[in-house]
Amino acid sequence: MESGLLANIAILVLAGFVGFAVISKVPNTLHTPLMSGTNAIHGIVLLGGLYVLGTTENPGVVDSILLVVAIAFGMINVIGGFLVTDRMLGMFKSRPEPSPASAGKPESNGKAGADL
């Protein structure tokens, strides 16, 4: 049993190093699109957590708590990723041009006596 745990910890540490090496070489302009791409991966993680939570017979209290926390954090990550992606895509939308009728008028802030 200990050799399996040690092998899993070694894989986790190596995956962490490989992930850091890959992400550190990504230019800043690609971080947000990569984050939007990982939403699909987190969706799969959420489905896996829900599947394990639903199909496990007599889960322990600790198992249930860990699964619920994992599902909650995964959902927060998915929602945040979609919000960031929406904001990123909003930067590429064209802004509406001002109407010709309002082009010659000075802008007013709606306050009377603001000439102080």
Protein backbone atom coordinates (compact mmCIF):
# COMPACT_ATOMS: atom_id res chain seq x y z
CA MET A 1 0.00 0.00 0.00
CA GLU A 2 2.82 2.43 0.77
CA SER A 3 4.50 1.94 -2.60
CA GLY A 4 1.25 2.88 -4.37
CA LEU A 5 0.92 6.02 -2.26
CA LEU A 6 4.54 6.94 -2.90
CA ALA A 7 4.09 6.42 -6.65
CA ASN A 8 0.95 8.62 -6.65
CA ILE A 9 2.75 11.38 -4.73
CA ALA A 10 5.68 11.19 -7.17
CA ILE A 11 3.28 11.50 -10.12
CA LEU A 12 1.55 14.47 -8.48
CA VAL A 13 4.87 16.26 -7.87
CA LEU A 14 6.10 15.57 -11.42
CA ALA A 15 2.79 16.76 -12.87
CA GLY A 16 3.12 19.95 -10.85
CA PHE A 17 6.62 20.60 -12.22
CA VAL A 18 5.56 19.84 -15.80
CA GLY A 19 2.48 22.06 -15.45
CA PHE A 20 4.57 24.93 -14.09
CA ALA A 21 7.12 24.55 -16.89
CA VAL A 22 4.42 24.56 -19.57
CA ILE A 23 2.38 27.46 -18.16
CA SER A 24 5.43 29.64 -17.47
CA LYS A 25 6.31 29.56 -21.17
CA VAL A 26 2.87 30.72 -22.32
CA PRO A 27 2.73 34.40 -23.36
CA ASN A 28 0.49 36.67 -21.31
CA THR A 29 -1.89 37.19 -24.23
CA LEU A 30 -2.82 33.50 -24.21
CA HIS A 31 -3.55 33.04 -20.51
CA THR A 32 -7.22 34.05 -20.75
CA PRO A 33 -8.00 31.86 -23.78
CA LEU A 34 -6.30 28.94 -22.05
CA MET A 35 -8.43 29.56 -18.99
CA SER A 36 -11.56 29.45 -21.09
CA GLY A 37 -10.39 26.17 -22.58
CA THR A 38 -9.94 24.62 -19.16
CA ASN A 39 -13.62 25.20 -18.41
CA ALA A 40 -14.36 22.00 -20.32
CA ILE A 41 -11.87 20.09 -18.19
CA HIS A 42 -13.42 21.43 -14.98
CA GLY A 43 -16.85 20.49 -16.28
CA ILE A 44 -15.63 16.90 -16.63
CA VAL A 45 -14.21 17.06 -13.09
CA LEU A 46 -17.61 18.25 -11.85
CA LEU A 47 -19.41 15.42 -13.60
CA GLY A 48 -16.92 12.92 -12.19
CA GLY A 49 -17.41 14.25 -8.67
CA LEU A 50 -21.18 14.10 -9.00
CA TYR A 51 -20.96 10.57 -10.41
CA VAL A 52 -18.74 9.36 -7.56
CA LEU A 53 -20.95 11.08 -4.98
CA GLY A 54 -24.08 9.50 -6.47
CA THR A 55 -22.82 5.96 -7.04
CA THR A 56 -20.78 5.32 -3.90
CA GLU A 57 -22.62 3.10 -1.44
CA ASN A 58 -22.36 4.25 2.16
CA PRO A 59 -19.75 7.00 1.68
CA GLY A 60 -18.00 8.11 4.83
CA VAL A 61 -18.52 11.55 6.26
CA VAL A 62 -15.04 12.67 5.26
CA ASP A 63 -15.51 11.31 1.72
CA SER A 64 -18.81 13.14 1.34
CA ILE A 65 -17.39 16.40 2.67
CA LEU A 66 -14.36 16.21 0.36
CA LEU A 67 -16.54 15.48 -2.66
CA VAL A 68 -18.92 18.35 -1.90
CA VAL A 69 -16.01 20.75 -1.37
CA ALA A 70 -14.38 19.58 -4.62
CA ILE A 71 -17.63 20.02 -6.51
CA ALA A 72 -18.16 23.50 -5.01
CA PHE A 73 -14.63 24.68 -5.86
CA GLY A 74 -14.90 23.19 -9.34
CA MET A 75 -18.19 25.01 -9.91
CA ILE A 76 -16.70 28.29 -8.70
CA ASN A 77 -13.83 27.79 -11.14
CA VAL A 78 -16.15 27.02 -14.06
CA ILE A 79 -18.38 30.05 -13.39
CA GLY A 80 -15.37 32.34 -12.92
CA GLY A 81 -13.83 31.04 -16.12
CA PHE A 82 -16.97 31.73 -18.10
CA LEU A 83 -17.24 35.23 -16.62
CA VAL A 84 -13.63 36.00 -17.52
CA THR A 85 -14.13 34.57 -21.01
CA ASP A 86 -17.24 36.68 -21.52
CA ARG A 87 -15.37 39.77 -20.39
CA MET A 88 -12.47 38.93 -22.70
CA LEU A 89 -14.78 38.47 -25.68
CA GLY A 90 -16.51 41.75 -24.79
CA MET A 91 -13.23 43.56 -25.39
CA PHE A 92 -13.36 42.53 -29.06
CA LYS A 93 -16.90 43.77 -29.70
CA SER A 94 -17.18 46.99 -31.68
CA ARG A 95 -18.52 49.96 -29.79
CA PRO A 96 -21.60 51.66 -31.20
CA GLU A 97 -20.83 54.86 -33.04
CA PRO A 98 -22.43 58.04 -31.67
CA SER A 99 -25.52 59.19 -33.52
CA PRO A 100 -25.07 62.19 -35.84
CA ALA A 101 -27.64 64.22 -33.87
CA SER A 102 -25.59 64.08 -30.68
CA ALA A 103 -22.23 64.61 -32.40
CA GLY A 104 -22.39 68.44 -32.33
CA LYS A 105 -23.85 68.88 -28.85
CA PRO A 106 -21.59 69.34 -25.84
CA GLU A 107 -21.94 66.61 -23.26
CA SER A 108 -23.80 67.53 -20.11
CA ASN A 109 -23.46 65.77 -16.79
CA GLY A 110 -27.06 66.57 -15.88
CA LYS A 111 -26.21 68.95 -13.01
CA ALA A 112 -27.45 72.51 -13.06
CA GLY A 113 -24.91 75.16 -12.09
CA ALA A 114 -21.90 72.94 -12.62
CA ASP A 115 -19.88 75.87 -14.03
CA LEU A 116 -18.25 76.70 -10.72
